[in-house]
């Protein structure tokens, strides 16, 4: 997978793939999330990307990612809420 938005190849960790399977989030939905979701940075390399997914009852879905030589998806969450 490649992220046009970030200009980087995407690596999805084993942990993130397990969470995606548990939460019924496929690679197409993850790709859409990474390309069009709202981004909030924790610092220069750590960030969250979240987006509502139409037809799902567990909005928001969110990916915790790290910007390195590639975009590393560490985990994928659902029932996510932004902190104030």
PDB file of N, CA and C in Angstrom:
ATOM      1  N   UNK A   1       0.859  -1.173   0.000  1.00  0.00           N
ATOM      2  CA  UNK A   1       0.000   0.000   0.000  1.00  0.00           C
ATOM      3  C   UNK A   1       0.902   1.232   0.000  1.00  0.00           C
ATOM      4  N   UNK A   2       0.443   2.272  -0.661  1.00  0.00           N
ATOM      5  CA  UNK A   2       1.175   3.535  -0.750  1.00  0.00           C
ATOM      6  C   UNK A   2       0.223   4.665  -0.408  1.00  0.00           C
ATOM      7  N   UNK A   3       0.697   5.646   0.381  1.00  0.00           N
ATOM      8  CA  UNK A   3      -0.102   6.820   0.714  1.00  0.00           C
ATOM      9  C   UNK A   3       0.319   7.991  -0.162  1.00  0.00           C
ATOM     10  N   UNK A   4      -0.590   8.393  -1.038  1.00  0.00           N
ATOM     11  CA  UNK A   4      -0.342   9.572  -1.865  1.00  0.00           C
ATOM     12  C   UNK A   4      -0.281  10.814  -0.990  1.00  0.00           C
ATOM     13  N   UNK A   5      -1.143  10.878   0.004  1.00  0.00           N
ATOM     14  CA  UNK A   5      -1.215  12.038   0.896  1.00  0.00           C
ATOM     15  C   UNK A   5       0.132  12.315   1.564  1.00  0.00           C
ATOM     16  N   UNK A   6       0.786  11.260   2.044  1.00  0.00           N
ATOM     17  CA  UNK A   6       2.050  11.420   2.759  1.00  0.00           C
ATOM     18  C   UNK A   6       3.259  11.144   1.870  1.00  0.00           C
ATOM     19  N   UNK A   7       3.025  10.621   0.664  1.00  0.00           N
ATOM     20  CA  UNK A   7       4.124  10.311  -0.243  1.00  0.00           C
ATOM     21  C   UNK A   7       5.019   9.197   0.278  1.00  0.00           C
ATOM     22  N   UNK A   8       4.427   8.258   1.007  1.00  0.00           N
ATOM     23  CA  UNK A   8       5.198   7.188   1.631  1.00  0.00           C
ATOM     24  C   UNK A   8       4.522   5.836   1.445  1.00  0.00           C
ATOM     25  N   UNK A   9       5.357   4.803   1.435  1.00  0.00           N
ATOM     26  CA  UNK A   9       4.844   3.441   1.479  1.00  0.00           C
ATOM     27  C   UNK A   9       4.253   3.213   2.867  1.00  0.00           C
ATOM     28  N   UNK A  10       3.212   2.400   2.961  1.00  0.00           N
ATOM     29  CA  UNK A  10       2.525   2.136   4.221  1.00  0.00           C
ATOM     30  C   UNK A  10       2.895   0.740   4.710  1.00  0.00           C
ATOM     31  N   UNK A  11       3.301   0.658   5.965  1.00  0.00           N
ATOM     32  CA  UNK A  11       3.534  -0.634   6.627  1.00  0.00           C
ATOM     33  C   UNK A  11       2.508  -0.779   7.740  1.00  0.00           C
ATOM     34  N   UNK A  12       1.736  -1.852   7.704  1.00  0.00           N
ATOM     35  CA  UNK A  12       0.737  -2.127   8.734  1.00  0.00           C
ATOM     36  C   UNK A  12       1.307  -3.216   9.638  1.00  0.00           C
ATOM     37  N   UNK A  13       1.482  -2.906  10.920  1.00  0.00           N
ATOM     38  CA  UNK A  13       2.069  -3.877  11.843  1.00  0.00           C
ATOM     39  C   UNK A  13       1.137  -5.078  12.041  1.00  0.00           C
ATOM     40  N   UNK A  14       1.695  -6.147  12.561  1.00  0.00           N
ATOM     41  CA  UNK A  14       0.905  -7.335  12.873  1.00  0.00           C
ATOM     42  C   UNK A  14      -0.212  -6.972  13.842  1.00  0.00           C
ATOM     43  N   UNK A  15       0.101  -6.185  14.854  1.00  0.00           N
ATOM     44  CA  UNK A  15      -0.904  -5.759  15.840  1.00  0.00           C
ATOM     45  C   UNK A  15      -2.049  -5.012  15.156  1.00  0.00           C
ATOM     46  N   UNK A  16      -1.712  -4.092  14.267  1.00  0.00           N
ATOM     47  CA  UNK A  16      -2.746  -3.323  13.565  1.00  0.00           C
ATOM     48  C   UNK A  16      -3.607  -4.234  12.692  1.00  0.00           C
ATOM     49  N   UNK A  17      -2.999  -5.198  12.017  1.00  0.00           N
ATOM     50  CA  UNK A  17      -3.774  -6.140  11.189  1.00  0.00           C
ATOM     51  C   UNK A  17      -4.728  -6.966  12.039  1.00  0.00           C
ATOM     52  N   UNK A  18      -4.276  -7.391  13.223  1.00  0.00           N
ATOM     53  CA  UNK A  18      -5.149  -8.140  14.132  1.00  0.00           C
ATOM     54  C   UNK A  18      -6.331  -7.289  14.567  1.00  0.00           C
ATOM     55  N   UNK A  19      -6.076  -6.034  14.905  1.00  0.00           N
ATOM     56  CA  UNK A  19      -7.155  -5.132  15.328  1.00  0.00           C
ATOM     57  C   UNK A  19      -8.105  -4.843  14.172  1.00  0.00           C
ATOM     58  N   UNK A  20      -7.574  -4.699  12.967  1.00  0.00           N
ATOM     59  CA  UNK A  20      -8.425  -4.485  11.799  1.00  0.00           C
ATOM     60  C   UNK A  20      -9.372  -5.674  11.620  1.00  0.00           C
ATOM     61  N   UNK A  21      -8.858  -6.876  11.745  1.00  0.00           N
ATOM     62  CA  UNK A  21      -9.696  -8.078  11.598  1.00  0.00           C
ATOM     63  C   UNK A  21     -10.768  -8.119  12.678  1.00  0.00           C
ATOM     64  N   UNK A  22     -10.403  -7.810  13.919  1.00  0.00           N
ATOM     65  CA  UNK A  22     -11.363  -7.817  15.033  1.00  0.00           C
ATOM     66  C   UNK A  22     -12.461  -6.779  14.833  1.00  0.00           C
ATOM     67  N   UNK A  23     -12.110  -5.670  14.192  1.00  0.00           N
ATOM     68  CA  UNK A  23     -13.033  -4.536  14.072  1.00  0.00           C
ATOM     69  C   UNK A  23     -13.655  -4.420  12.682  1.00  0.00           C
ATOM     70  N   UNK A  24     -13.439  -5.428  11.867  1.00  0.00           N
ATOM     71  CA  UNK A  24     -14.026  -5.481  10.522  1.00  0.00           C
ATOM     72  C   UNK A  24     -13.652  -4.248   9.692  1.00  0.00           C
ATOM     73  N   UNK A  25     -12.363  -3.918   9.713  1.00  0.00           N
ATOM     74  CA  UNK A  25     -11.829  -2.802   8.932  1.00  0.00           C
ATOM     75  C   UNK A  25     -10.907  -3.409   7.882  1.00  0.00           C
ATOM     76  N   UNK A  26     -11.299  -3.290   6.616  1.00  0.00           N
ATOM     77  CA  UNK A  26     -10.484  -3.887   5.561  1.00  0.00           C
ATOM     78  C   UNK A  26      -9.425  -2.896   5.066  1.00  0.00           C
ATOM     79  N   UNK A  27      -8.556  -3.373   4.182  1.00  0.00           N
ATOM     80  CA  UNK A  27      -7.469  -2.541   3.685  1.00  0.00           C
ATOM     81  C   UNK A  27      -7.980  -1.339   2.889  1.00  0.00           C
ATOM     82  N   UNK A  28      -9.080  -1.512   2.171  1.00  0.00           N
ATOM     83  CA  UNK A  28      -9.651  -0.391   1.405  1.00  0.00           C
ATOM     84  C   UNK A  28     -10.107   0.722   2.345  1.00  0.00           C
ATOM     85  N   UNK A  29     -10.763   0.355   3.447  1.00  0.00           N
ATOM     86  CA  UNK A  29     -11.212   1.356   4.416  1.00  0.00           C
ATOM     87  C   UNK A  29     -10.014   2.007   5.100  1.00  0.00           C
ATOM     88  N   UNK A  30      -9.001   1.227   5.421  1.00  0.00           N
ATOM     89  CA  UNK A  30      -7.786   1.800   6.006  1.00  0.00           C
ATOM     90  C   UNK A  30      -7.155   2.795   5.038  1.00  0.00           C
ATOM     91  N   UNK A  31      -7.068   2.436   3.766  1.00  0.00           N
ATOM     92  CA  UNK A  31      -6.503   3.345   2.772  1.00  0.00           C
ATOM     93  C   UNK A  31      -7.277   4.647   2.673  1.00  0.00           C
ATOM     94  N   UNK A  32      -8.606   4.542   2.681  1.00  0.00           N
ATOM     95  CA  UNK A  32      -9.446   5.747   2.647  1.00  0.00           C
ATOM     96  C   UNK A  32      -9.223   6.596   3.896  1.00  0.00           C
ATOM     97  N   UNK A  33      -9.126   5.946   5.045  1.00  0.00           N
ATOM     98  CA  UNK A  33      -8.862   6.648   6.307  1.00  0.00           C
ATOM     99  C   UNK A  33      -7.542   7.414   6.229  1.00  0.00           C
ATOM    100  N   UNK A  34      -6.490   6.750   5.784  1.00  0.00           N
ATOM    101  CA  UNK A  34      -5.175   7.392   5.716  1.00  0.00           C
ATOM    102  C   UNK A  34      -5.155   8.560   4.739  1.00  0.00           C
ATOM    103  N   UNK A  35      -5.886   8.447   3.638  1.00  0.00           N
ATOM    104  CA  UNK A  35      -5.860   9.488   2.611  1.00  0.00           C
ATOM    105  C   UNK A  35      -6.776  10.667   2.915  1.00  0.00           C
ATOM    106  N   UNK A  36      -7.885  10.433   3.621  1.00  0.00           N
ATOM    107  CA  UNK A  36      -8.877  11.504   3.762  1.00  0.00           C
ATOM    108  C   UNK A  36      -9.290  11.817   5.195  1.00  0.00           C
ATOM    109  N   UNK A  37      -8.753  11.089   6.175  1.00  0.00           N
ATOM    110  CA  UNK A  37      -9.139  11.327   7.561  1.00  0.00           C
ATOM    111  C   UNK A  37      -8.537  12.599   8.136  1.00  0.00           C
ATOM    112  N   UNK A  38      -9.107  13.028   9.251  1.00  0.00           N
ATOM    113  CA  UNK A  38      -8.600  14.213   9.956  1.00  0.00           C
ATOM    114  C   UNK A  38      -7.331  13.820  10.700  1.00  0.00           C
ATOM    115  N   UNK A  39      -6.296  14.649  10.592  1.00  0.00           N
ATOM    116  CA  UNK A  39      -4.986  14.355  11.179  1.00  0.00           C
ATOM    117  C   UNK A  39      -4.739  15.242  12.390  1.00  0.00           C
ATOM    118  N   UNK A  40      -4.247  14.617  13.461  1.00  0.00           N
ATOM    119  CA  UNK A  40      -3.761  15.372  14.627  1.00  0.00           C
ATOM    120  C   UNK A  40      -2.410  14.802  15.025  1.00  0.00           C
ATOM    121  N   UNK A  41      -1.438  15.694  15.135  1.00  0.00           N
ATOM    122  CA  UNK A  41      -0.072  15.294  15.476  1.00  0.00           C
ATOM    123  C   UNK A  41       0.131  15.313  16.982  1.00  0.00           C
ATOM    124  N   UNK A  42       0.802  14.264  17.500  1.00  0.00           N
ATOM    125  CA  UNK A  42       1.242  14.255  18.895  1.00  0.00           C
ATOM    126  C   UNK A  42       2.588  14.967  18.991  1.00  0.00           C
ATOM    127  N   UNK A  43       3.445  14.703  18.007  1.00  0.00           N
ATOM    128  CA  UNK A  43       4.746  15.371  17.887  1.00  0.00           C
ATOM    129  C   UNK A  43       5.156  15.312  16.416  1.00  0.00           C
ATOM    130  N   UNK A  44       6.422  15.462  16.124  1.00  0.00           N
ATOM    131  CA  UNK A  44       6.870  15.523  14.728  1.00  0.00           C
ATOM    132  C   UNK A  44       6.638  14.237  13.943  1.00  0.00           C
ATOM    133  N   UNK A  45       6.614  13.092  14.630  1.00  0.00           N
ATOM    134  CA  UNK A  45       6.490  11.832  13.894  1.00  0.00           C
ATOM    135  C   UNK A  45       5.282  10.983  14.284  1.00  0.00           C
ATOM    136  N   UNK A  46       4.650  11.260  15.409  1.00  0.00           N
ATOM    137  CA  UNK A  46       3.503  10.454  15.857  1.00  0.00           C
ATOM    138  C   UNK A  46       2.212  11.228  15.645  1.00  0.00           C
ATOM    139  N   UNK A  47       1.206  10.532  15.079  1.00  0.00           N
ATOM    140  CA  UNK A  47      -0.060  11.194  14.803  1.00  0.00           C
ATOM    141  C   UNK A  47      -1.205  10.194  14.797  1.00  0.00           C
ATOM    142  N   UNK A  48      -2.397  10.747  14.843  1.00  0.00           N
ATOM    143  CA  UNK A  48      -3.620   9.979  14.720  1.00  0.00           C
ATOM    144  C   UNK A  48      -4.347  10.475  13.478  1.00  0.00           C
ATOM    145  N   UNK A  49      -5.004   9.553  12.804  1.00  0.00           N
ATOM    146  CA  UNK A  49      -5.835   9.897  11.655  1.00  0.00           C
ATOM    147  C   UNK A  49      -7.199   9.263  11.901  1.00  0.00           C
ATOM    148  N   UNK A  50      -8.258  10.073  11.930  1.00  0.00           N
ATOM    149  CA  UNK A  50      -9.594   9.560  12.253  1.00  0.00           C
ATOM    150  C   UNK A  50     -10.615  10.014  11.226  1.00  0.00           C
ATOM    151  N   UNK A  51     -11.654   9.196  11.093  1.00  0.00           N
ATOM    152  CA  UNK A  51     -12.690   9.495  10.105  1.00  0.00           C
ATOM    153  C   UNK A  51     -13.952   8.717  10.448  1.00  0.00           C
ATOM    154  N   UNK A  52     -15.101   9.327  10.175  1.00  0.00           N
ATOM    155  CA  UNK A  52     -16.362   8.601  10.266  1.00  0.00           C
ATOM    156  C   UNK A  52     -16.479   7.706   9.041  1.00  0.00           C
ATOM    157  N   UNK A  53     -16.995   6.509   9.260  1.00  0.00           N
ATOM    158  CA  UNK A  53     -17.195   5.572   8.157  1.00  0.00           C
ATOM    159  C   UNK A  53     -18.690   5.353   7.993  1.00  0.00           C
ATOM    160  N   UNK A  54     -19.265   5.817   6.897  1.00  0.00           N
ATOM    161  CA  UNK A  54     -20.709   5.657   6.678  1.00  0.00           C
ATOM    162  C   UNK A  54     -21.137   4.195   6.795  1.00  0.00           C
ATOM    163  N   UNK A  55     -22.279   4.000   7.449  1.00  0.00           N
ATOM    164  CA  UNK A  55     -22.817   2.663   7.603  1.00  0.00           C
ATOM    165  C   UNK A  55     -22.288   1.896   8.788  1.00  0.00           C
ATOM    166  N   UNK A  56     -21.344   2.463   9.504  1.00  0.00           N
ATOM    167  CA  UNK A  56     -20.792   1.794  10.689  1.00  0.00           C
ATOM    168  C   UNK A  56     -21.378   2.440  11.936  1.00  0.00           C
ATOM    169  N   UNK A  57     -21.585   1.643  12.942  1.00  0.00           N
ATOM    170  CA  UNK A  57     -22.139   2.132  14.207  1.00  0.00           C
ATOM    171  C   UNK A  57     -21.048   2.460  15.228  1.00  0.00           C
ATOM    172  N   UNK A  58     -19.790   2.285  14.853  1.00  0.00           N
ATOM    173  CA  UNK A  58     -18.670   2.447  15.790  1.00  0.00           C
ATOM    174  C   UNK A  58     -17.777   3.629  15.455  1.00  0.00           C
ATOM    175  N   UNK A  59     -18.358   4.691  14.907  1.00  0.00           N
ATOM    176  CA  UNK A  59     -17.559   5.854  14.524  1.00  0.00           C
ATOM    177  C   UNK A  59     -16.992   6.523  15.750  1.00  0.00           C
ATOM    178  N   UNK A  60     -15.931   7.166  15.650  1.00  0.00           N
ATOM    179  CA  UNK A  60     -14.936   7.312  14.602  1.00  0.00           C
ATOM    180  C   UNK A  60     -14.021   6.085  14.570  1.00  0.00           C
ATOM    181  N   UNK A  61     -13.439   5.838  13.384  1.00  0.00           N
ATOM    182  CA  UNK A  61     -12.349   4.881  13.331  1.00  0.00           C
ATOM    183  C   UNK A  61     -11.066   5.692  13.270  1.00  0.00           C
ATOM    184  N   UNK A  62      -9.985   5.131  13.799  1.00  0.00           N
ATOM    185  CA  UNK A  62      -8.752   5.901  13.931  1.00  0.00           C
ATOM    186  C   UNK A  62      -7.547   4.996  13.761  1.00  0.00           C
ATOM    187  N   UNK A  63      -6.524   5.502  13.107  1.00  0.00           N
ATOM    188  CA  UNK A  63      -5.239   4.819  12.995  1.00  0.00           C
ATOM    189  C   UNK A  63      -4.193   5.646  13.737  1.00  0.00           C
ATOM    190  N   UNK A  64      -3.436   4.969  14.600  1.00  0.00           N
ATOM    191  CA  UNK A  64      -2.278   5.594  15.239  1.00  0.00           C
ATOM    192  C   UNK A  64      -1.083   5.254  14.370  1.00  0.00           C
ATOM    193  N   UNK A  65      -0.392   6.273  13.866  1.00  0.00           N
ATOM    194  CA  UNK A  65       0.681   6.047  12.910  1.00  0.00           C
ATOM    195  C   UNK A  65       1.957   6.793  13.299  1.00  0.00           C
ATOM    196  N   UNK A  66       3.049   6.313  12.719  1.00  0.00           N
ATOM    197  CA  UNK A  66       4.357   6.942  12.902  1.00  0.00           C
ATOM    198  C   UNK A  66       4.917   7.256  11.520  1.00  0.00           C
ATOM    199  N   UNK A  67       5.425   8.464  11.359  1.00  0.00           N
ATOM    200  CA  UNK A  67       6.069   8.874  10.109  1.00  0.00           C
ATOM    201  C   UNK A  67       7.561   8.583  10.231  1.00  0.00           C
ATOM    202  N   UNK A  68       8.016   7.602   9.484  1.00  0.00           N
ATOM    203  CA  UNK A  68       9.435   7.270   9.432  1.00  0.00           C
ATOM    204  C   UNK A  68       9.831   7.260   7.965  1.00  0.00           C
ATOM    205  N   UNK A  69      10.674   6.310   7.552  1.00  0.00           N
ATOM    206  CA  UNK A  69      10.970   6.188   6.127  1.00  0.00           C
ATOM    207  C   UNK A  69       9.762   5.654   5.379  1.00  0.00           C
ATOM    208  N   UNK A  70       8.774   5.201   6.146  1.00  0.00           N
ATOM    209  CA  UNK A  70       7.472   4.808   5.624  1.00  0.00           C
ATOM    210  C   UNK A  70       6.433   5.212   6.651  1.00  0.00           C
ATOM    211  N   UNK A  71       5.163   5.118   6.283  1.00  0.00           N
ATOM    212  CA  UNK A  71       4.065   5.409   7.202  1.00  0.00           C
ATOM    213  C   UNK A  71       3.729   4.099   7.912  1.00  0.00           C
ATOM    214  N   UNK A  72       3.999   4.025   9.213  1.00  0.00           N
ATOM    215  CA  UNK A  72       3.801   2.795   9.976  1.00  0.00           C
ATOM    216  C   UNK A  72       2.488   2.902  10.745  1.00  0.00           C
ATOM    217  N   UNK A  73       1.543   2.012  10.425  1.00  0.00           N
ATOM    218  CA  UNK A  73       0.273   1.958  11.141  1.00  0.00           C
ATOM    219  C   UNK A  73       0.478   1.051  12.345  1.00  0.00           C
ATOM    220  N   UNK A  74       0.445   1.635  13.552  1.00  0.00           N
ATOM    221  CA  UNK A  74       0.710   0.884  14.779  1.00  0.00           C
ATOM    222  C   UNK A  74      -0.525   0.143  15.280  1.00  0.00           C
ATOM    223  N   UNK A  75      -1.685   0.795  15.220  1.00  0.00           N
ATOM    224  CA  UNK A  75      -2.931   0.161  15.620  1.00  0.00           C
ATOM    225  C   UNK A  75      -4.092   0.862  14.942  1.00  0.00           C
ATOM    226  N   UNK A  76      -5.228   0.198  14.955  1.00  0.00           N
ATOM    227  CA  UNK A  76      -6.447   0.767  14.386  1.00  0.00           C
ATOM    228  C   UNK A  76      -7.545   0.617  15.434  1.00  0.00           C
ATOM    229  N   UNK A  77      -8.218   1.722  15.732  1.00  0.00           N
ATOM    230  CA  UNK A  77      -9.225   1.756  16.787  1.00  0.00           C
ATOM    231  C   UNK A  77     -10.599   2.066  16.212  1.00  0.00           C
ATOM    232  N   UNK A  78     -11.614   1.765  16.982  1.00  0.00           N
ATOM    233  CA  UNK A  78     -12.976   2.184  16.664  1.00  0.00           C
ATOM    234  C   UNK A  78     -13.589   2.746  17.937  1.00  0.00           C
ATOM    235  N   UNK A  79     -14.773   3.319  17.845  1.00  0.00           N
ATOM    236  CA  UNK A  79     -15.384   4.047  18.969  1.00  0.00           C
ATOM    237  C   UNK A  79     -14.421   5.114  19.496  1.00  0.00           C
ATOM    238  N   UNK A  80     -13.677   5.724  18.593  1.00  0.00           N
ATOM    239  CA  UNK A  80     -12.655   6.699  18.948  1.00  0.00           C
ATOM    240  C   UNK A  80     -13.281   8.061  19.197  1.00  0.00           C
ATOM    241  N   UNK A  81     -12.710   8.809  20.137  1.00  0.00           N
ATOM    242  CA  UNK A  81     -13.126  10.197  20.391  1.00  0.00           C
ATOM    243  C   UNK A  81     -11.872  11.036  20.549  1.00  0.00           C
ATOM    244  N   UNK A  82     -11.881  12.203  19.911  1.00  0.00           N
ATOM    245  CA  UNK A  82     -10.779  13.143  20.088  1.00  0.00           C
ATOM    246  C   UNK A  82     -10.812  13.691  21.507  1.00  0.00           C
ATOM    247  N   UNK A  83      -9.632  13.873  22.087  1.00  0.00           N
ATOM    248  CA  UNK A  83      -9.560  14.562  23.375  1.00  0.00           C
ATOM    249  C   UNK A  83      -9.718  16.048  23.139  1.00  0.00           C
ATOM    250  N   UNK A  84     -10.306  16.727  24.075  1.00  0.00           N
ATOM    251  CA  UNK A  84     -10.535  18.178  23.929  1.00  0.00           C
ATOM    252  C   UNK A  84      -9.276  18.963  24.038  1.00  0.00           C
TER     253      UNK A  84
END
